[in-house]
Amino acid sequence: MLSSAPRDAGKHVPVVSLDQVAAPARVRVVKVADGRRTRQLLAQLSIRVGSQLEVQRAAPLAGPILVGSAGSVVAVSRGLAGKVIVEVLA
């Protein structure tokens, strides 16, 4: 776990990278680390800051992570998922 970030006054929500989230889970993207090209790639997959995603499956042995986003399911590599910082929703 990376840290806890304040969401509301007095409340702390766990913040982790997408590759650390166990499936199944609902998450909200709070930050995309790295540069413009990474943000463009993720935007093409409908993954942007503020997007809500559903982590459906994490393939074993460093395989891709399947996430539901904007009505579709996309596979995100572990390397790319490590650059997406999310908060886990209850």
Protein backbone atom coordinates (compact mmCIF):
# COMPACT_ATOMS: atom_id res chain seq x y z
CA MET A 1 0.00 0.00 0.00
CA LEU A 2 1.42 3.37 -0.96
CA SER A 3 -0.31 5.69 1.50
CA SER A 4 -3.61 7.01 2.71
CA ALA A 5 -5.05 10.17 1.21
CA PRO A 6 -7.72 12.34 2.80
CA ARG A 7 -11.02 12.09 0.96
CA ASP A 8 -13.24 13.98 3.38
CA ALA A 9 -12.34 15.74 6.60
CA GLY A 10 -11.31 13.08 9.10
CA LYS A 11 -11.63 10.13 6.67
CA HIS A 12 -8.74 8.29 5.06
CA VAL A 13 -9.19 6.13 1.99
CA PRO A 14 -6.54 3.58 0.99
CA VAL A 15 -4.62 4.65 -2.11
CA VAL A 16 -2.71 2.00 -4.10
CA SER A 17 -1.57 1.37 -7.63
CA LEU A 18 -3.99 -0.54 -9.84
CA ASP A 19 -1.66 -3.55 -10.04
CA GLN A 20 -1.98 -4.02 -6.25
CA VAL A 21 -5.79 -4.26 -6.17
CA ALA A 22 -7.25 -7.73 -5.61
CA ALA A 23 -10.15 -8.70 -7.88
CA PRO A 24 -13.08 -8.19 -7.71
CA ALA A 25 -13.04 -4.55 -6.61
CA ARG A 26 -14.39 -1.13 -7.58
CA VAL A 27 -11.87 1.71 -7.69
CA ARG A 28 -11.62 5.36 -8.69
CA VAL A 29 -8.57 6.72 -10.52
CA VAL A 30 -6.97 9.53 -8.50
CA LYS A 31 -3.67 9.98 -10.36
CA VAL A 32 -1.77 8.76 -13.38
CA ALA A 33 1.97 8.76 -12.81
CA ASP A 34 4.51 9.34 -15.57
CA GLY A 35 4.20 11.34 -18.75
CA ARG A 36 1.86 12.44 -21.48
CA ARG A 37 2.17 9.25 -23.54
CA THR A 38 1.04 7.12 -20.60
CA ARG A 39 -2.00 9.36 -20.05
CA GLN A 40 -2.83 9.15 -23.79
CA LEU A 41 -2.62 5.35 -23.80
CA LEU A 42 -4.85 5.09 -20.75
CA ALA A 43 -7.32 7.65 -22.15
CA GLN A 44 -7.73 5.45 -25.24
CA LEU A 45 -8.81 2.70 -22.82
CA SER A 46 -11.25 5.15 -21.10
CA ILE A 47 -9.05 5.24 -17.98
CA ARG A 48 -8.68 8.84 -16.79
CA VAL A 49 -8.43 10.65 -13.46
CA GLY A 50 -11.89 10.46 -11.91
CA SER A 51 -12.90 7.29 -13.82
CA GLN A 52 -14.51 4.49 -11.85
CA LEU A 53 -13.24 1.05 -12.78
CA GLU A 54 -14.18 -2.48 -11.85
CA VAL A 55 -11.18 -4.78 -11.42
CA GLN A 56 -12.51 -8.09 -12.71
CA ARG A 57 -9.50 -10.38 -12.89
CA ALA A 58 -5.76 -10.35 -12.41
CA ALA A 59 -3.98 -12.96 -14.52
CA PRO A 60 -1.32 -15.00 -12.70
CA LEU A 61 2.43 -14.74 -13.26
CA ALA A 62 2.52 -11.00 -13.97
CA GLY A 63 -0.16 -11.24 -16.65
CA PRO A 64 -2.59 -8.44 -17.50
CA ILE A 65 -5.36 -7.08 -15.30
CA LEU A 66 -8.91 -7.06 -16.70
CA VAL A 67 -10.83 -3.91 -15.81
CA GLY A 68 -14.30 -2.75 -16.73
CA SER A 69 -14.35 0.83 -17.93
CA ALA A 70 -17.03 2.86 -19.74
CA GLY A 71 -19.10 -0.19 -20.61
CA SER A 72 -16.26 -2.34 -21.91
CA VAL A 73 -13.63 -4.67 -20.49
CA VAL A 74 -9.98 -3.95 -21.27
CA ALA A 75 -6.72 -5.71 -20.43
CA VAL A 76 -4.07 -3.50 -18.85
CA SER A 77 -0.47 -4.66 -18.53
CA ARG A 78 0.98 -4.82 -15.02
CA GLY A 79 3.56 -2.19 -15.95
CA LEU A 80 0.90 0.26 -17.10
CA ALA A 81 -1.37 -0.61 -14.16
CA GLY A 82 1.48 0.24 -11.79
CA LYS A 83 1.33 3.83 -13.04
CA VAL A 84 -2.39 4.22 -12.22
CA ILE A 85 -3.04 5.31 -8.62
CA VAL A 86 -6.53 4.45 -7.38
CA GLU A 87 -8.67 4.60 -4.28
CA VAL A 88 -10.62 1.48 -3.41
CA LEU A 89 -14.35 2.17 -3.14
CA ALA A 90 -16.55 0.47 -0.58
